[in-house]
């Protein structure tokens, strides 16, 4: 958890996005871990936003070796605590994903479709050249917005 720090207001009297983020408690939840990749959910880095950080090669052989397809499809389902607002943005940080196969892509697209039905925005960040090539080849780059970094995605969603 990140320590609380005093906030600073800008000259207009409004708190900056950086100050707002610094005031929030960040919670990390490991959703999946095996020998080749991990998935971690990060809450509290920005208001109404969940960041899913995926690390490692995201492919079917590793996903389905020990997890049923239905379980993997539901891995990104999120229900806020009682009384808390539903997030309006899910960011998938793929900065540490060197490659992905069509099954990994399918998991992301399925989640995008489910989110779209709930008016939740999905943004992909930090895609490697190999992952971008897969997105372009399948035309997923035309439906899923992409950003180079989490910080830029947070600025774009504001």
Protein backbone atom coordinates (compact mmCIF):
# COMPACT_ATOMS: atom_id res chain seq x y z
CA UNK A 1 0.00 0.00 0.00
CA UNK A 2 1.30 3.46 -0.89
CA UNK A 3 1.68 5.93 2.03
CA UNK A 4 -0.72 8.83 2.25
CA UNK A 5 0.85 12.17 1.38
CA UNK A 6 -0.50 15.70 1.71
CA UNK A 7 -2.16 16.89 -1.49
CA UNK A 8 -1.10 19.97 -3.36
CA UNK A 9 -3.56 22.15 -5.19
CA UNK A 10 -2.75 23.78 -8.49
CA UNK A 11 -2.86 27.53 -8.89
CA UNK A 12 -6.51 27.16 -9.93
CA UNK A 13 -7.26 25.54 -6.57
CA UNK A 14 -7.94 22.09 -8.04
CA UNK A 15 -6.04 18.99 -7.05
CA UNK A 16 -3.84 17.61 -9.86
CA UNK A 17 -4.33 14.07 -11.17
CA UNK A 18 -0.95 13.15 -9.67
CA UNK A 19 -1.99 14.44 -6.25
CA UNK A 20 -5.32 12.62 -6.48
CA UNK A 21 -3.57 9.36 -7.35
CA UNK A 22 -1.08 9.80 -4.49
CA UNK A 23 -3.94 10.09 -1.98
CA UNK A 24 -5.55 6.81 -2.96
CA UNK A 25 -4.61 3.50 -1.33
CA UNK A 26 -3.33 1.07 -3.93
CA UNK A 27 -4.41 -2.56 -3.60
CA UNK A 28 -2.77 -5.37 -5.58
CA UNK A 29 -4.39 -8.77 -6.01
CA UNK A 30 -2.65 -11.63 -7.76
CA UNK A 31 -5.28 -13.30 -9.95
CA UNK A 32 -3.09 -15.87 -11.65
CA UNK A 33 0.47 -17.11 -11.40
CA UNK A 34 2.26 -19.95 -13.09
CA UNK A 35 5.77 -20.55 -14.39
CA UNK A 36 5.39 -18.42 -17.53
CA UNK A 37 2.97 -15.58 -16.76
CA UNK A 38 1.15 -13.73 -13.99
CA UNK A 39 -1.95 -11.55 -13.87
CA UNK A 40 -2.31 -8.94 -11.16
CA UNK A 41 -5.27 -6.61 -10.50
CA UNK A 42 -4.30 -3.13 -9.27
CA UNK A 43 -6.97 -0.95 -7.69
CA UNK A 44 -6.64 2.56 -6.36
CA UNK A 45 -4.02 3.93 -8.73
CA UNK A 46 -6.69 6.16 -10.33
CA UNK A 47 -10.35 6.85 -9.55
CA UNK A 48 -12.88 4.38 -11.03
CA UNK A 49 -10.07 2.43 -12.76
CA UNK A 50 -8.73 -1.10 -12.50
CA UNK A 51 -5.38 -1.98 -14.01
CA UNK A 52 -4.71 -5.58 -14.98
CA UNK A 53 -0.96 -6.10 -15.21
CA UNK A 54 0.02 -9.17 -17.22
CA UNK A 55 3.62 -10.36 -17.16
CA UNK A 56 5.11 -13.05 -19.42
CA UNK A 57 4.04 -14.89 -22.56
CA UNK A 58 0.22 -14.96 -22.67
CA UNK A 59 -0.71 -18.14 -24.57
CA UNK A 60 -3.15 -21.05 -24.59
CA UNK A 61 -0.68 -23.79 -23.71
CA UNK A 62 0.12 -22.11 -20.41
CA UNK A 63 -3.41 -20.87 -19.74
CA UNK A 64 -5.31 -24.08 -20.32
CA UNK A 65 -2.70 -26.42 -18.86
CA UNK A 66 -4.02 -25.88 -15.35
CA UNK A 67 -7.11 -23.70 -15.69
CA UNK A 68 -10.38 -24.44 -17.46
CA UNK A 69 -11.31 -22.08 -20.29
CA UNK A 70 -14.44 -20.86 -18.46
CA UNK A 71 -12.35 -19.95 -15.40
CA UNK A 72 -9.90 -17.98 -17.52
CA UNK A 73 -12.76 -16.20 -19.27
CA UNK A 74 -14.04 -15.03 -15.89
CA UNK A 75 -10.67 -14.10 -14.40
CA UNK A 76 -11.22 -10.38 -15.05
CA UNK A 77 -14.74 -10.28 -13.59
CA UNK A 78 -14.85 -7.71 -10.83
CA UNK A 79 -17.47 -6.83 -8.27
CA UNK A 80 -16.73 -3.77 -6.12
CA UNK A 81 -17.16 -3.88 -2.37
CA UNK A 82 -20.66 -3.23 -1.08
CA UNK A 83 -21.48 0.46 -1.51
CA UNK A 84 -18.51 1.16 -3.80
CA UNK A 85 -18.94 2.38 -7.35
CA UNK A 86 -18.32 0.11 -10.32
CA UNK A 87 -15.09 1.04 -12.16
CA UNK A 88 -15.62 2.84 -15.47
CA UNK A 89 -12.26 1.88 -16.99
CA UNK A 90 -10.16 -1.29 -17.19
CA UNK A 91 -6.56 -0.86 -18.33
CA UNK A 92 -4.60 -3.90 -19.48
CA UNK A 93 -0.90 -3.26 -18.96
CA UNK A 94 0.90 -5.51 -21.45
CA UNK A 95 4.30 -3.83 -21.05
CA UNK A 96 5.84 -7.11 -19.87
CA UNK A 97 4.11 -9.37 -22.42
CA UNK A 98 6.61 -10.17 -25.21
CA UNK A 99 4.07 -12.24 -27.17
CA UNK A 100 0.51 -13.46 -27.10
CA UNK A 101 -1.39 -16.05 -29.10
CA UNK A 102 -4.98 -15.98 -30.35
CA UNK A 103 -6.28 -17.51 -27.11
CA UNK A 104 -4.78 -14.68 -25.04
CA UNK A 105 -6.22 -12.22 -27.53
CA UNK A 106 -9.60 -13.96 -27.26
CA UNK A 107 -9.62 -13.51 -23.48
CA UNK A 108 -9.02 -9.76 -23.89
CA UNK A 109 -11.64 -9.38 -26.64
CA UNK A 110 -14.23 -11.33 -24.62
CA UNK A 111 -13.59 -9.06 -21.65
CA UNK A 112 -13.86 -5.99 -23.89
CA UNK A 113 -17.27 -7.16 -25.15
CA UNK A 114 -18.52 -7.80 -21.60
CA UNK A 115 -17.24 -4.38 -20.49
CA UNK A 116 -18.80 -2.58 -23.45
CA UNK A 117 -22.20 -3.96 -22.42
CA UNK A 118 -21.66 -2.38 -18.97
CA UNK A 119 -20.30 0.94 -20.35
CA UNK A 120 -16.83 0.18 -19.01
CA UNK A 121 -13.96 1.46 -21.15
CA UNK A 122 -11.06 -0.90 -21.90
CA UNK A 123 -7.60 0.40 -22.85
CA UNK A 124 -4.56 -1.66 -23.82
CA UNK A 125 -1.17 -0.21 -22.85
CA UNK A 126 2.45 -1.03 -23.56
CA UNK A 127 1.89 -3.64 -26.27
CA UNK A 128 5.14 -5.05 -27.66
CA UNK A 129 5.75 -5.07 -31.43
CA UNK A 130 4.74 -8.78 -31.55
CA UNK A 131 1.48 -8.13 -29.69
CA UNK A 132 0.73 -5.05 -31.83
CA UNK A 133 1.27 -7.17 -34.94
CA UNK A 134 -1.29 -9.72 -33.66
CA UNK A 135 -3.76 -6.92 -32.89
CA UNK A 136 -3.26 -5.42 -36.36
CA UNK A 137 -3.47 -8.77 -38.18
CA UNK A 138 -6.79 -9.60 -36.44
CA UNK A 139 -8.03 -5.97 -36.70
CA UNK A 140 -8.47 -5.84 -32.92
CA UNK A 141 -6.46 -2.61 -33.03
CA UNK A 142 -9.53 -1.01 -34.66
CA UNK A 143 -11.82 -1.74 -31.70
CA UNK A 144 -9.54 -1.67 -28.65
CA UNK A 145 -7.92 1.69 -27.86
CA UNK A 146 -4.20 1.51 -27.22
CA UNK A 147 -1.79 3.75 -25.33
CA UNK A 148 1.99 3.57 -24.89
CA UNK A 149 1.91 3.85 -21.07
CA UNK A 150 -0.46 3.54 -18.12
CA UNK A 151 0.09 7.21 -17.31
CA UNK A 152 -0.96 8.29 -20.83
CA UNK A 153 -4.01 6.01 -20.67
CA UNK A 154 -5.02 7.58 -17.35
CA UNK A 155 -4.67 11.05 -18.83
CA UNK A 156 -6.68 10.06 -21.93
CA UNK A 157 -9.54 8.60 -19.88
CA UNK A 158 -9.90 11.76 -17.76
